[in-house]
Amino acid sequence: MLLFLTLIACARPVHQTGVASWYGPGFAGKPTASGQTFRPGRRTATHPSLPFGTVVKVTRVDTGKSVRVVINDRGPFTGGRIIDLAQRAARRLDMVERGLSTVELRLVGCRDRFGKCDPP
């Protein structure tokens, strides 16, 4: 039992819990803040402060469905939201019809092509 509690305490901490939204076809082909071209069919996302290239596991709180995304843009710009997901990532979470879902974010890594990304 003590070993189990120790493992839980050492697990990666939750970075944030809050509301996620998604964006898609209307922004296709436009440049992101990282310089990449936005493609709704990729598993990417916007976040207001995480470094570009940060890999985040996004888990929908009510269903447990999850997807890993790479942060490549800034946003969301609507109050009360913590992340905007590209359409493909939103589809993985089964949230396209709903538009919004409560999610939990966990930092899981970094994509080298963006350079060094040391999450805060």
PDB file of N, CA and C in Angstrom:
ATOM      1  N   MET A   1       0.829  -1.192   0.000  1.00  0.00           N
ATOM      2  CA  MET A   1       0.000   0.000   0.000  1.00  0.00           C
ATOM      3  C   MET A   1       0.877   1.260   0.000  1.00  0.00           C
ATOM      4  N   LEU A   2       1.940   1.247   0.781  1.00  0.00           N
ATOM      5  CA  LEU A   2       2.837   2.403   0.833  1.00  0.00           C
ATOM      6  C   LEU A   2       3.491   2.647  -0.522  1.00  0.00           C
ATOM      7  N   LEU A   3       3.875   1.565  -1.205  1.00  0.00           N
ATOM      8  CA  LEU A   3       4.470   1.699  -2.528  1.00  0.00           C
ATOM      9  C   LEU A   3       3.466   2.325  -3.493  1.00  0.00           C
ATOM     10  N   PHE A   4       2.232   1.907  -3.443  1.00  0.00           N
ATOM     11  CA  PHE A   4       1.188   2.450  -4.304  1.00  0.00           C
ATOM     12  C   PHE A   4       1.010   3.953  -4.065  1.00  0.00           C
ATOM     13  N   LEU A   5       0.962   4.371  -2.808  1.00  0.00           N
ATOM     14  CA  LEU A   5       0.803   5.788  -2.478  1.00  0.00           C
ATOM     15  C   LEU A   5       2.010   6.598  -2.924  1.00  0.00           C
ATOM     16  N   THR A   6       3.198   6.023  -2.836  1.00  0.00           N
ATOM     17  CA  THR A   6       4.406   6.699  -3.288  1.00  0.00           C
ATOM     18  C   THR A   6       4.372   6.904  -4.795  1.00  0.00           C
ATOM     19  N   LEU A   7       3.934   5.876  -5.538  1.00  0.00           N
ATOM     20  CA  LEU A   7       3.837   5.994  -6.989  1.00  0.00           C
ATOM     21  C   LEU A   7       2.837   7.070  -7.401  1.00  0.00           C
ATOM     22  N   ILE A   8       1.737   7.159  -6.708  1.00  0.00           N
ATOM     23  CA  ILE A   8       0.742   8.188  -7.007  1.00  0.00           C
ATOM     24  C   ILE A   8       1.327   9.572  -6.760  1.00  0.00           C
ATOM     25  N   ALA A   9       2.056   9.738  -5.678  1.00  0.00           N
ATOM     26  CA  ALA A   9       2.636  11.033  -5.342  1.00  0.00           C
ATOM     27  C   ALA A   9       3.689  11.459  -6.360  1.00  0.00           C
ATOM     28  N   CYS A  10       4.356  10.503  -7.011  1.00  0.00           N
ATOM     29  CA  CYS A  10       5.407  10.817  -7.970  1.00  0.00           C
ATOM     30  C   CYS A  10       4.893  10.959  -9.403  1.00  0.00           C
ATOM     31  N   ALA A  11       3.628  10.701  -9.620  1.00  0.00           N
ATOM     32  CA  ALA A  11       3.064  10.805 -10.974  1.00  0.00           C
ATOM     33  C   ALA A  11       3.138  12.251 -11.447  1.00  0.00           C
ATOM     34  N   ARG A  12       3.161  12.433 -12.765  1.00  0.00           N
ATOM     35  CA  ARG A  12       3.185  13.790 -13.314  1.00  0.00           C
ATOM     36  C   ARG A  12       1.963  14.553 -12.814  1.00  0.00           C
ATOM     37  N   PRO A  13       2.162  15.761 -12.360  1.00  0.00           N
ATOM     38  CA  PRO A  13       1.036  16.526 -11.829  1.00  0.00           C
ATOM     39  C   PRO A  13       0.100  16.994 -12.937  1.00  0.00           C
ATOM     40  N   VAL A  14      -1.133  17.219 -12.583  1.00  0.00           N
ATOM     41  CA  VAL A  14      -2.087  17.800 -13.508  1.00  0.00           C
ATOM     42  C   VAL A  14      -1.685  19.257 -13.692  1.00  0.00           C
ATOM     43  N   HIS A  15      -1.568  19.665 -14.921  1.00  0.00           N
ATOM     44  CA  HIS A  15      -1.211  21.060 -15.170  1.00  0.00           C
ATOM     45  C   HIS A  15      -2.434  21.952 -14.996  1.00  0.00           C
ATOM     46  N   GLN A  16      -3.554  21.541 -15.585  1.00  0.00           N
ATOM     47  CA  GLN A  16      -4.765  22.346 -15.509  1.00  0.00           C
ATOM     48  C   GLN A  16      -6.004  21.486 -15.700  1.00  0.00           C
ATOM     49  N   THR A  17      -7.091  21.944 -15.142  1.00  0.00           N
ATOM     50  CA  THR A  17      -8.405  21.381 -15.429  1.00  0.00           C
ATOM     51  C   THR A  17      -9.307  22.552 -15.765  1.00  0.00           C
ATOM     52  N   GLY A  18     -10.064  22.409 -16.852  1.00  0.00           N
ATOM     53  CA  GLY A  18     -10.946  23.494 -17.258  1.00  0.00           C
ATOM     54  C   GLY A  18     -11.665  23.164 -18.543  1.00  0.00           C
ATOM     55  N   VAL A  19     -12.175  24.179 -19.201  1.00  0.00           N
ATOM     56  CA  VAL A  19     -12.994  24.004 -20.396  1.00  0.00           C
ATOM     57  C   VAL A  19     -12.139  24.054 -21.659  1.00  0.00           C
ATOM     58  N   ALA A  20     -12.371  23.083 -22.543  1.00  0.00           N
ATOM     59  CA  ALA A  20     -11.724  23.039 -23.851  1.00  0.00           C
ATOM     60  C   ALA A  20     -12.760  23.330 -24.921  1.00  0.00           C
ATOM     61  N   SER A  21     -12.294  23.950 -25.997  1.00  0.00           N
ATOM     62  CA  SER A  21     -13.115  24.154 -27.181  1.00  0.00           C
ATOM     63  C   SER A  21     -12.310  23.655 -28.370  1.00  0.00           C
ATOM     64  N   TRP A  22     -12.868  23.764 -29.558  1.00  0.00           N
ATOM     65  CA  TRP A  22     -12.123  23.333 -30.741  1.00  0.00           C
ATOM     66  C   TRP A  22     -12.313  24.330 -31.872  1.00  0.00           C
ATOM     67  N   TYR A  23     -11.367  24.298 -32.793  1.00  0.00           N
ATOM     68  CA  TYR A  23     -11.442  25.154 -33.974  1.00  0.00           C
ATOM     69  C   TYR A  23     -11.028  24.340 -35.181  1.00  0.00           C
ATOM     70  N   GLY A  24     -11.474  24.750 -36.353  1.00  0.00           N
ATOM     71  CA  GLY A  24     -11.239  23.889 -37.495  1.00  0.00           C
ATOM     72  C   GLY A  24     -11.160  24.568 -38.830  1.00  0.00           C
ATOM     73  N   PRO A  25     -12.038  24.153 -39.747  1.00  0.00           N
ATOM     74  CA  PRO A  25     -11.932  24.527 -41.151  1.00  0.00           C
ATOM     75  C   PRO A  25     -11.791  26.025 -41.432  1.00  0.00           C
ATOM     76  N   GLY A  26     -12.376  26.866 -40.646  1.00  0.00           N
ATOM     77  CA  GLY A  26     -12.299  28.303 -40.880  1.00  0.00           C
ATOM     78  C   GLY A  26     -10.888  28.865 -40.785  1.00  0.00           C
ATOM     79  N   PHE A  27      -9.997  28.150 -40.107  1.00  0.00           N
ATOM     80  CA  PHE A  27      -8.616  28.619 -39.934  1.00  0.00           C
ATOM     81  C   PHE A  27      -7.624  27.819 -40.776  1.00  0.00           C
ATOM     82  N   ALA A  28      -8.104  26.852 -41.527  1.00  0.00           N
ATOM     83  CA  ALA A  28      -7.221  25.987 -42.327  1.00  0.00           C
ATOM     84  C   ALA A  28      -6.352  26.815 -43.265  1.00  0.00           C
ATOM     85  N   GLY A  29      -5.064  26.485 -43.280  1.00  0.00           N
ATOM     86  CA  GLY A  29      -4.120  27.154 -44.162  1.00  0.00           C
ATOM     87  C   GLY A  29      -3.536  28.445 -43.621  1.00  0.00           C
ATOM     88  N   LYS A  30      -4.062  28.933 -42.526  1.00  0.00           N
ATOM     89  CA  LYS A  30      -3.544  30.179 -41.940  1.00  0.00           C
ATOM     90  C   LYS A  30      -2.348  29.867 -41.045  1.00  0.00           C
ATOM     91  N   PRO A  31      -1.424  30.822 -40.911  1.00  0.00           N
ATOM     92  CA  PRO A  31      -0.255  30.570 -40.057  1.00  0.00           C
ATOM     93  C   PRO A  31      -0.624  30.593 -38.572  1.00  0.00           C
ATOM     94  N   THR A  32       0.018  29.719 -37.811  1.00  0.00           N
ATOM     95  CA  THR A  32      -0.146  29.713 -36.360  1.00  0.00           C
ATOM     96  C   THR A  32       0.932  30.606 -35.755  1.00  0.00           C
ATOM     97  N   ALA A  33       0.830  30.862 -34.472  1.00  0.00           N
ATOM     98  CA  ALA A  33       1.826  31.696 -33.785  1.00  0.00           C
ATOM     99  C   ALA A  33       3.218  31.075 -33.818  1.00  0.00           C
ATOM    100  N   SER A  34       3.301  29.751 -33.988  1.00  0.00           N
ATOM    101  CA  SER A  34       4.598  29.082 -34.044  1.00  0.00           C
ATOM    102  C   SER A  34       5.221  29.143 -35.430  1.00  0.00           C
ATOM    103  N   GLY A  35       4.439  29.600 -36.411  1.00  0.00           N
ATOM    104  CA  GLY A  35       4.925  29.661 -37.782  1.00  0.00           C
ATOM    105  C   GLY A  35       4.446  28.502 -38.643  1.00  0.00           C
ATOM    106  N   GLN A  36       3.880  27.475 -38.027  1.00  0.00           N
ATOM    107  CA  GLN A  36       3.337  26.359 -38.800  1.00  0.00           C
ATOM    108  C   GLN A  36       2.021  26.776 -39.452  1.00  0.00           C
ATOM    109  N   THR A  37       1.666  26.082 -40.502  1.00  0.00           N
ATOM    110  CA  THR A  37       0.372  26.283 -41.130  1.00  0.00           C
ATOM    111  C   THR A  37      -0.651  25.444 -40.378  1.00  0.00           C
ATOM    112  N   PHE A  38      -1.791  26.050 -40.046  1.00  0.00           N
ATOM    113  CA  PHE A  38      -2.811  25.303 -39.312  1.00  0.00           C
ATOM    114  C   PHE A  38      -3.489  24.296 -40.225  1.00  0.00           C
ATOM    115  N   ARG A  39      -3.571  23.070 -39.738  1.00  0.00           N
ATOM    116  CA  ARG A  39      -4.257  21.994 -40.446  1.00  0.00           C
ATOM    117  C   ARG A  39      -5.223  21.330 -39.465  1.00  0.00           C
ATOM    118  N   PRO A  40      -6.536  21.429 -39.702  1.00  0.00           N
ATOM    119  CA  PRO A  40      -7.521  20.858 -38.788  1.00  0.00           C
ATOM    120  C   PRO A  40      -7.381  19.350 -38.603  1.00  0.00           C
ATOM    121  N   GLY A  41      -6.766  18.668 -39.552  1.00  0.00           N
ATOM    122  CA  GLY A  41      -6.608  17.218 -39.475  1.00  0.00           C
ATOM    123  C   GLY A  41      -5.419  16.759 -38.651  1.00  0.00           C
ATOM    124  N   ARG A  42      -4.736  17.672 -38.005  1.00  0.00           N
ATOM    125  CA  ARG A  42      -3.602  17.317 -37.146  1.00  0.00           C
ATOM    126  C   ARG A  42      -4.034  17.374 -35.686  1.00  0.00           C
ATOM    127  N   ARG A  43      -3.271  16.698 -34.857  1.00  0.00           N
ATOM    128  CA  ARG A  43      -3.553  16.740 -33.414  1.00  0.00           C
ATOM    129  C   ARG A  43      -2.710  17.843 -32.783  1.00  0.00           C
ATOM    130  N   THR A  44      -3.169  19.073 -32.971  1.00  0.00           N
ATOM    131  CA  THR A  44      -2.495  20.242 -32.427  1.00  0.00           C
ATOM    132  C   THR A  44      -3.481  21.026 -31.580  1.00  0.00           C
ATOM    133  N   ALA A  45      -2.949  22.038 -30.876  1.00  0.00           N
ATOM    134  CA  ALA A  45      -3.812  22.828 -29.999  1.00  0.00           C
ATOM    135  C   ALA A  45      -3.197  24.188 -29.717  1.00  0.00           C
ATOM    136  N   THR A  46      -4.036  25.079 -29.221  1.00  0.00           N
ATOM    137  CA  THR A  46      -3.577  26.375 -28.755  1.00  0.00           C
ATOM    138  C   THR A  46      -3.563  26.370 -27.234  1.00  0.00           C
ATOM    139  N   HIS A  47      -2.626  27.094 -26.660  1.00  0.00           N
ATOM    140  CA  HIS A  47      -2.565  27.286 -25.213  1.00  0.00           C
ATOM    141  C   HIS A  47      -1.979  28.670 -24.976  1.00  0.00           C
ATOM    142  N   PRO A  48      -2.443  29.374 -23.951  1.00  0.00           N
ATOM    143  CA  PRO A  48      -1.967  30.740 -23.755  1.00  0.00           C
ATOM    144  C   PRO A  48      -0.500  30.866 -23.340  1.00  0.00           C
ATOM    145  N   SER A  49       0.080  29.838 -22.711  1.00  0.00           N
ATOM    146  CA  SER A  49       1.435  30.032 -22.188  1.00  0.00           C
ATOM    147  C   SER A  49       2.415  28.881 -22.361  1.00  0.00           C
ATOM    148  N   LEU A  50       1.962  27.677 -22.625  1.00  0.00           N
ATOM    149  CA  LEU A  50       2.901  26.564 -22.769  1.00  0.00           C
ATOM    150  C   LEU A  50       3.784  26.786 -23.996  1.00  0.00           C
ATOM    151  N   PRO A  51       5.052  26.428 -23.906  1.00  0.00           N
ATOM    152  CA  PRO A  51       5.958  26.614 -25.051  1.00  0.00           C
ATOM    153  C   PRO A  51       5.509  25.792 -26.258  1.00  0.00           C
ATOM    154  N   PHE A  52       5.762  26.329 -27.448  1.00  0.00           N
ATOM    155  CA  PHE A  52       5.458  25.594 -28.667  1.00  0.00           C
ATOM    156  C   PHE A  52       6.242  24.292 -28.663  1.00  0.00           C
ATOM    157  N   GLY A  53       5.587  23.222 -29.094  1.00  0.00           N
ATOM    158  CA  GLY A  53       6.210  21.913 -29.113  1.00  0.00           C
ATOM    159  C   GLY A  53       5.903  21.073 -27.884  1.00  0.00           C
ATOM    160  N   THR A  54       5.295  21.671 -26.870  1.00  0.00           N
ATOM    161  CA  THR A  54       4.930  20.905 -25.678  1.00  0.00           C
ATOM    162  C   THR A  54       3.847  19.897 -26.047  1.00  0.00           C
ATOM    163  N   VAL A  55       4.039  18.654 -25.638  1.00  0.00           N
ATOM    164  CA  VAL A  55       3.047  17.604 -25.872  1.00  0.00           C
ATOM    165  C   VAL A  55       2.190  17.492 -24.612  1.00  0.00           C
ATOM    166  N   VAL A  56       0.891  17.578 -24.802  1.00  0.00           N
ATOM    167  CA  VAL A  56      -0.059  17.571 -23.691  1.00  0.00           C
ATOM    168  C   VAL A  56      -1.055  16.441 -23.896  1.00  0.00           C
ATOM    169  N   LYS A  57      -1.307  15.679 -22.839  1.00  0.00           N
ATOM    170  CA  LYS A  57      -2.379  14.689 -22.873  1.00  0.00           C
ATOM    171  C   LYS A  57      -3.634  15.392 -22.372  1.00  0.00           C
ATOM    172  N   VAL A  58      -4.660  15.414 -23.224  1.00  0.00           N
ATOM    173  CA  VAL A  58      -5.925  16.066 -22.900  1.00  0.00           C
ATOM    174  C   VAL A  58      -6.945  14.968 -22.649  1.00  0.00           C
ATOM    175  N   THR A  59      -7.520  14.944 -21.448  1.00  0.00           N
ATOM    176  CA  THR A  59      -8.489  13.917 -21.075  1.00  0.00           C
ATOM    177  C   THR A  59      -9.827  14.567 -20.764  1.00  0.00           C
ATOM    178  N   ARG A  60     -10.850  14.087 -21.421  1.00  0.00           N
ATOM    179  CA  ARG A  60     -12.199  14.580 -21.143  1.00  0.00           C
ATOM    180  C   ARG A  60     -12.631  14.004 -19.801  1.00  0.00           C
ATOM    181  N   VAL A  61     -12.981  14.866 -18.876  1.00  0.00           N
ATOM    182  CA  VAL A  61     -13.269  14.466 -17.496  1.00  0.00           C
ATOM    183  C   VAL A  61     -14.471  13.532 -17.400  1.00  0.00           C
ATOM    184  N   ASP A  62     -15.531  13.801 -18.159  1.00  0.00           N
ATOM    185  CA  ASP A  62     -16.755  13.012 -18.008  1.00  0.00           C
ATOM    186  C   ASP A  62     -16.711  11.648 -18.687  1.00  0.00           C
ATOM    187  N   THR A  63     -15.831  11.447 -19.663  1.00  0.00           N
ATOM    188  CA  THR A  63     -15.797  10.161 -20.368  1.00  0.00           C
ATOM    189  C   THR A  63     -14.477   9.408 -20.209  1.00  0.00           C
ATOM    190  N   GLY A  64     -13.418  10.117 -19.835  1.00  0.00           N
ATOM    191  CA  GLY A  64     -12.101   9.493 -19.724  1.00  0.00           C
ATOM    192  C   GLY A  64     -11.375   9.360 -21.052  1.00  0.00           C
ATOM    193  N   LYS A  65     -12.009   9.768 -22.162  1.00  0.00           N
ATOM    194  CA  LYS A  65     -11.346   9.712 -23.469  1.00  0.00           C
ATOM    195  C   LYS A  65     -10.199  10.718 -23.473  1.00  0.00           C
ATOM    196  N   SER A  66      -9.091  10.322 -24.140  1.00  0.00           N
ATOM    197  CA  SER A  66      -7.949  11.228 -24.154  1.00  0.00           C
ATOM    198  C   SER A  66      -7.270  11.247 -25.512  1.00  0.00           C
ATOM    199  N   VAL A  67      -6.479  12.295 -25.726  1.00  0.00           N
ATOM    200  CA  VAL A  67      -5.714  12.480 -26.953  1.00  0.00           C
ATOM    201  C   VAL A  67      -4.464  13.277 -26.586  1.00  0.00           C
ATOM    202  N   ARG A  68      -3.385  12.984 -27.295  1.00  0.00           N
ATOM    203  CA  ARG A  68      -2.161  13.775 -27.120  1.00  0.00           C
ATOM    204  C   ARG A  68      -2.105  14.800 -28.240  1.00  0.00           C
ATOM    205  N   VAL A  69      -1.788  16.039 -27.879  1.00  0.00           N
ATOM    206  CA  VAL A  69      -1.690  17.118 -28.851  1.00  0.00           C
ATOM    207  C   VAL A  69      -0.368  17.855 -28.668  1.00  0.00           C
ATOM    208  N   VAL A  70       0.044  18.547 -29.723  1.00  0.00           N
ATOM    209  CA  VAL A  70       1.232  19.390 -29.672  1.00  0.00           C
ATOM    210  C   VAL A  70       0.774  20.844 -29.701  1.00  0.00           C
ATOM    211  N   ILE A  71       1.277  21.639 -28.772  1.00  0.00           N
ATOM    212  CA  ILE A  71       0.936  23.056 -28.734  1.00  0.00           C
ATOM    213  C   ILE A  71       1.710  23.773 -29.841  1.00  0.00           C
ATOM    214  N   ASN A  72       0.972  24.415 -30.767  1.00  0.00           N
ATOM    215  CA  ASN A  72       1.643  25.133 -31.845  1.00  0.00           C
ATOM    216  C   ASN A  72       1.037  26.512 -32.110  1.00  0.00           C
ATOM    217  N   ASP A  73       0.158  26.961 -31.213  1.00  0.00           N
ATOM    218  CA  ASP A  73      -0.492  28.249 -31.429  1.00  0.00           C
ATOM    219  C   ASP A  73      -0.888  28.845 -30.083  1.00  0.00           C
ATOM    220  N   ARG A  74      -1.262  30.106 -30.089  1.00  0.00           N
ATOM    221  CA  ARG A  74      -1.719  30.795 -28.885  1.00  0.00           C
ATOM    222  C   ARG A  74      -3.236  30.918 -28.896  1.00  0.00           C
ATOM    223  N   GLY A  75      -3.804  30.866 -27.732  1.00  0.00           N
ATOM    224  CA  GLY A  75      -5.245  30.948 -27.549  1.00  0.00           C
ATOM    225  C   GLY A  75      -5.580  30.102 -26.334  1.00  0.00           C
ATOM    226  N   PRO A  76      -6.779  29.846 -26.051  1.00  0.00           N
ATOM    227  CA  PRO A  76      -7.981  30.413 -26.651  1.00  0.00           C
ATOM    228  C   PRO A  76      -8.172  31.866 -26.211  1.00  0.00           C
ATOM    229  N   PHE A  77      -8.915  32.578 -27.014  1.00  0.00           N
ATOM    230  CA  PHE A  77      -9.132  33.994 -26.747  1.00  0.00           C
ATOM    231  C   PHE A  77     -10.529  34.279 -26.232  1.00  0.00           C
ATOM    232  N   THR A  78     -11.234  33.246 -25.840  1.00  0.00           N
ATOM    233  CA  THR A  78     -12.551  33.381 -25.226  1.00  0.00           C
ATOM    234  C   THR A  78     -12.394  33.043 -23.753  1.00  0.00           C
ATOM    235  N   GLY A  79     -12.821  33.930 -22.894  1.00  0.00           N
ATOM    236  CA  GLY A  79     -12.658  33.768 -21.460  1.00  0.00           C
ATOM    237  C   GLY A  79     -13.171  32.445 -20.922  1.00  0.00           C
ATOM    238  N   GLY A  80     -12.469  31.922 -19.940  1.00  0.00           N
ATOM    239  CA  GLY A  80     -12.892  30.711 -19.262  1.00  0.00           C
ATOM    240  C   GLY A  80     -12.441  29.421 -19.906  1.00  0.00           C
ATOM    241  N   ARG A  81     -11.753  29.472 -21.046  1.00  0.00           N
ATOM    242  CA  ARG A  81     -11.285  28.253 -21.713  1.00  0.00           C
ATOM    243  C   ARG A  81      -9.772  28.132 -21.531  1.00  0.00           C
ATOM    244  N   ILE A  82      -9.301  26.885 -21.397  1.00  0.00           N
ATOM    245  CA  ILE A  82      -7.872  26.683 -21.156  1.00  0.00           C
ATOM    246  C   ILE A  82      -7.113  26.169 -22.369  1.00  0.00           C
ATOM    247  N   ILE A  83      -7.829  25.617 -23.357  1.00  0.00           N
ATOM    248  CA  ILE A  83      -7.180  25.059 -24.533  1.00  0.00           C
ATOM    249  C   ILE A  83      -8.183  25.017 -25.685  1.00  0.00           C
ATOM    250  N   ASP A  84      -7.681  25.240 -26.896  1.00  0.00           N
ATOM    251  CA  ASP A  84      -8.466  25.051 -28.125  1.00  0.00           C
ATOM    252  C   ASP A  84      -7.819  23.909 -28.881  1.00  0.00           C
ATOM    253  N   LEU A  85      -8.591  22.926 -29.248  1.00  0.00           N
ATOM    254  CA  LEU A  85      -8.078  21.754 -29.950  1.00  0.00           C
ATOM    255  C   LEU A  85      -8.376  21.839 -31.441  1.00  0.00           C
ATOM    256  N   ALA A  86      -7.449  21.338 -32.253  1.00  0.00           N
ATOM    257  CA  ALA A  86      -7.732  21.201 -33.679  1.00  0.00           C
ATOM    258  C   ALA A  86      -8.866  20.183 -33.826  1.00  0.00           C
ATOM    259  N   GLN A  87      -9.579  20.264 -34.936  1.00  0.00           N
ATOM    260  CA  GLN A  87     -10.765  19.435 -35.142  1.00  0.00           C
ATOM    261  C   GLN A  87     -10.492  17.940 -34.955  1.00  0.00           C
ATOM    262  N   ARG A  88      -9.355  17.434 -35.450  1.00  0.00           N
ATOM    263  CA  ARG A  88      -9.065  16.006 -35.319  1.00  0.00           C
ATOM    264  C   ARG A  88      -8.957  15.590 -33.848  1.00  0.00           C
ATOM    265  N   ALA A  89      -8.308  16.414 -33.041  1.00  0.00           N
ATOM    266  CA  ALA A  89      -8.181  16.105 -31.618  1.00  0.00           C
ATOM    267  C   ALA A  89      -9.548  16.143 -30.939  1.00  0.00           C
ATOM    268  N   ALA A  90     -10.371  17.124 -31.312  1.00  0.00           N
ATOM    269  CA  ALA A  90     -11.717  17.220 -30.739  1.00  0.00           C
ATOM    270  C   ALA A  90     -12.550  16.001 -31.115  1.00  0.00           C
ATOM    271  N   ARG A  91     -12.367  15.512 -32.337  1.00  0.00           N
ATOM    272  CA  ARG A  91     -13.083  14.313 -32.770  1.00  0.00           C
ATOM    273  C   ARG A  91     -12.687  13.116 -31.910  1.00  0.00           C
ATOM    274  N   ARG A  92     -11.395  13.005 -31.604  1.00  0.00           N
ATOM    275  CA  ARG A  92     -10.923  11.900 -30.758  1.00  0.00           C
ATOM    276  C   ARG A  92     -11.585  11.918 -29.384  1.00  0.00           C
ATOM    277  N   LEU A  93     -11.883  13.123 -28.894  1.00  0.00           N
ATOM    278  CA  LEU A  93     -12.527  13.251 -27.581  1.00  0.00           C
ATOM    279  C   LEU A  93     -14.045  13.208 -27.681  1.00  0.00           C
ATOM    280  N   ASP A  94     -14.560  13.048 -28.903  1.00  0.00           N
ATOM    281  CA  ASP A  94     -16.000  13.016 -29.144  1.00  0.00           C
ATOM    282  C   ASP A  94     -16.673  14.287 -28.625  1.00  0.00           C
ATOM    283  N   MET A  95     -16.071  15.447 -28.962  1.00  0.00           N
ATOM    284  CA  MET A  95     -16.622  16.713 -28.479  1.00  0.00           C
ATOM    285  C   MET A  95     -16.970  17.689 -29.604  1.00  0.00           C
ATOM    286  N   VAL A  96     -16.920  17.238 -30.853  1.00  0.00           N
ATOM    287  CA  VAL A  96     -17.211  18.143 -31.963  1.00  0.00           C
ATOM    288  C   VAL A  96     -18.654  18.632 -31.902  1.00  0.00           C
ATOM    289  N   GLU A  97     -19.590  17.744 -31.668  1.00  0.00           N
ATOM    290  CA  GLU A  97     -21.004  18.143 -31.602  1.00  0.00           C
ATOM    291  C   GLU A  97     -21.280  19.059 -30.409  1.00  0.00           C
ATOM    292  N   ARG A  98     -20.661  18.757 -29.281  1.00  0.00           N
ATOM    293  CA  ARG A  98     -20.877  19.542 -28.066  1.00  0.00           C
ATOM    294  C   ARG A  98     -20.232  20.916 -28.151  1.00  0.00           C
ATOM    295  N   GLY A  99     -19.046  20.954 -28.749  1.00  0.00           N
ATOM    296  CA  GLY A  99     -18.316  22.218 -28.867  1.00  0.00           C
ATOM    297  C   GLY A  99     -17.383  22.495 -27.704  1.00  0.00           C
ATOM    298  N   LEU A 100     -17.847  22.215 -26.498  1.00  0.00           N
ATOM    299  CA  LEU A 100     -17.062  22.448 -25.288  1.00  0.00           C
ATOM    300  C   LEU A 100     -17.084  21.202 -24.416  1.00  0.00           C
ATOM    301  N   SER A 101     -15.992  20.984 -23.682  1.00  0.00           N
ATOM    302  CA  SER A 101     -15.938  19.883 -22.716  1.00  0.00           C
ATOM    303  C   SER A 101     -14.971  20.257 -21.602  1.00  0.00           C
ATOM    304  N   THR A 102     -15.223  19.733 -20.432  1.00  0.00           N
ATOM    305  CA  THR A 102     -14.281  19.913 -19.330  1.00  0.00           C
ATOM    306  C   THR A 102     -13.185  18.877 -19.487  1.00  0.00           C
ATOM    307  N   VAL A 103     -11.930  19.343 -19.428  1.00  0.00           N
ATOM    308  CA  VAL A 103     -10.782  18.469 -19.657  1.00  0.00           C
ATOM    309  C   VAL A 103      -9.724  18.665 -18.579  1.00  0.00           C
ATOM    310  N   GLU A 104      -8.834  17.696 -18.543  1.00  0.00           N
ATOM    311  CA  GLU A 104      -7.670  17.738 -17.663  1.00  0.00           C
ATOM    312  C   GLU A 104      -6.444  17.689 -18.570  1.00  0.00           C
ATOM    313  N   LEU A 105      -5.481  18.558 -18.333  1.00  0.00           N
ATOM    314  CA  LEU A 105      -4.256  18.601 -19.119  1.00  0.00           C
ATOM    315  C   LEU A 105      -3.092  18.048 -18.306  1.00  0.00           C
ATOM    316  N   ARG A 106      -2.309  17.157 -18.926  1.00  0.00           N
ATOM    317  CA  ARG A 106      -1.083  16.644 -18.314  1.00  0.00           C
ATOM    318  C   ARG A 106       0.054  16.831 -19.307  1.00  0.00           C
ATOM    319  N   LEU A 107       1.158  17.354 -18.828  1.00  0.00           N
ATOM    320  CA  LEU A 107       2.335  17.524 -19.675  1.00  0.00           C
ATOM    321  C   LEU A 107       3.005  16.171 -19.848  1.00  0.00           C
ATOM    322  N   VAL A 108       3.299  15.817 -21.104  1.00  0.00           N
ATOM    323  CA  VAL A 108       3.909  14.499 -21.346  1.00  0.00           C
ATOM    324  C   VAL A 108       5.213  14.556 -22.127  1.00  0.00           C
ATOM    325  N   GLY A 109       5.567  15.691 -22.695  1.00  0.00           N
ATOM    326  CA  GLY A 109       6.827  15.725 -23.434  1.00  0.00           C
ATOM    327  C   GLY A 109       7.009  16.968 -24.264  1.00  0.00           C
ATOM    328  N   CYS A 110       7.930  16.840 -25.224  1.00  0.00           N
ATOM    329  CA  CYS A 110       8.318  17.967 -26.058  1.00  0.00           C
ATOM    330  C   CYS A 110       8.707  17.466 -27.434  1.00  0.00           C
ATOM    331  N   ARG A 111       8.319  18.174 -28.478  1.00  0.00           N
ATOM    332  CA  ARG A 111       8.712  17.859 -29.844  1.00  0.00           C
ATOM    333  C   ARG A 111       9.973  18.635 -30.174  1.00  0.00           C
ATOM    334  N   ASP A 112      11.035  17.943 -30.535  1.00  0.00           N
ATOM    335  CA  ASP A 112      12.331  18.565 -30.787  1.00  0.00           C
ATOM    336  C   ASP A 112      12.325  19.601 -31.892  1.00  0.00           C
ATOM    337  N   ARG A 113      11.466  19.446 -32.891  1.00  0.00           N
ATOM    338  CA  ARG A 113      11.519  20.358 -34.037  1.00  0.00           C
ATOM    339  C   ARG A 113      11.221  21.801 -33.656  1.00  0.00           C
ATOM    340  N   PHE A 114      10.661  22.022 -32.473  1.00  0.00           N
ATOM    341  CA  PHE A 114      10.374  23.375 -32.014  1.00  0.00           C
ATOM    342  C   PHE A 114      11.524  23.950 -31.190  1.00  0.00           C
ATOM    343  N   GLY A 115      12.596  23.172 -31.027  1.00  0.00           N
ATOM    344  CA  GLY A 115      13.668  23.605 -30.141  1.00  0.00           C
ATOM    345  C   GLY A 115      13.358  23.158 -28.732  1.00  0.00           C
ATOM    346  N   LYS A 116      14.006  23.776 -27.784  1.00  0.00           N
ATOM    347  CA  LYS A 116      13.820  23.386 -26.387  1.00  0.00           C
ATOM    348  C   LYS A 116      12.498  23.941 -25.858  1.00  0.00           C
ATOM    349  N   CYS A 117      11.703  23.087 -25.260  1.00  0.00           N
ATOM    350  CA  CYS A 117      10.477  23.564 -24.633  1.00  0.00           C
ATOM    351  C   CYS A 117      10.431  23.038 -23.202  1.00  0.00           C
ATOM    352  N   ASP A 118      10.732  23.905 -22.296  1.00  0.00           N
ATOM    353  CA  ASP A 118      10.698  23.556 -20.878  1.00  0.00           C
ATOM    354  C   ASP A 118       9.399  24.088 -20.309  1.00  0.00           C
ATOM    355  N   PRO A 119       8.394  23.216 -20.156  1.00  0.00           N
ATOM    356  CA  PRO A 119       7.125  23.679 -19.617  1.00  0.00           C
ATOM    357  C   PRO A 119       7.297  24.299 -18.242  1.00  0.00           C
ATOM    358  N   PRO A 120       6.559  25.345 -17.969  1.00  0.00           N
ATOM    359  CA  PRO A 120       6.663  26.025 -16.668  1.00  0.00           C
ATOM    360  C   PRO A 120       6.223  25.127 -15.527  1.00  0.00           C
TER     361      PRO A 120
END
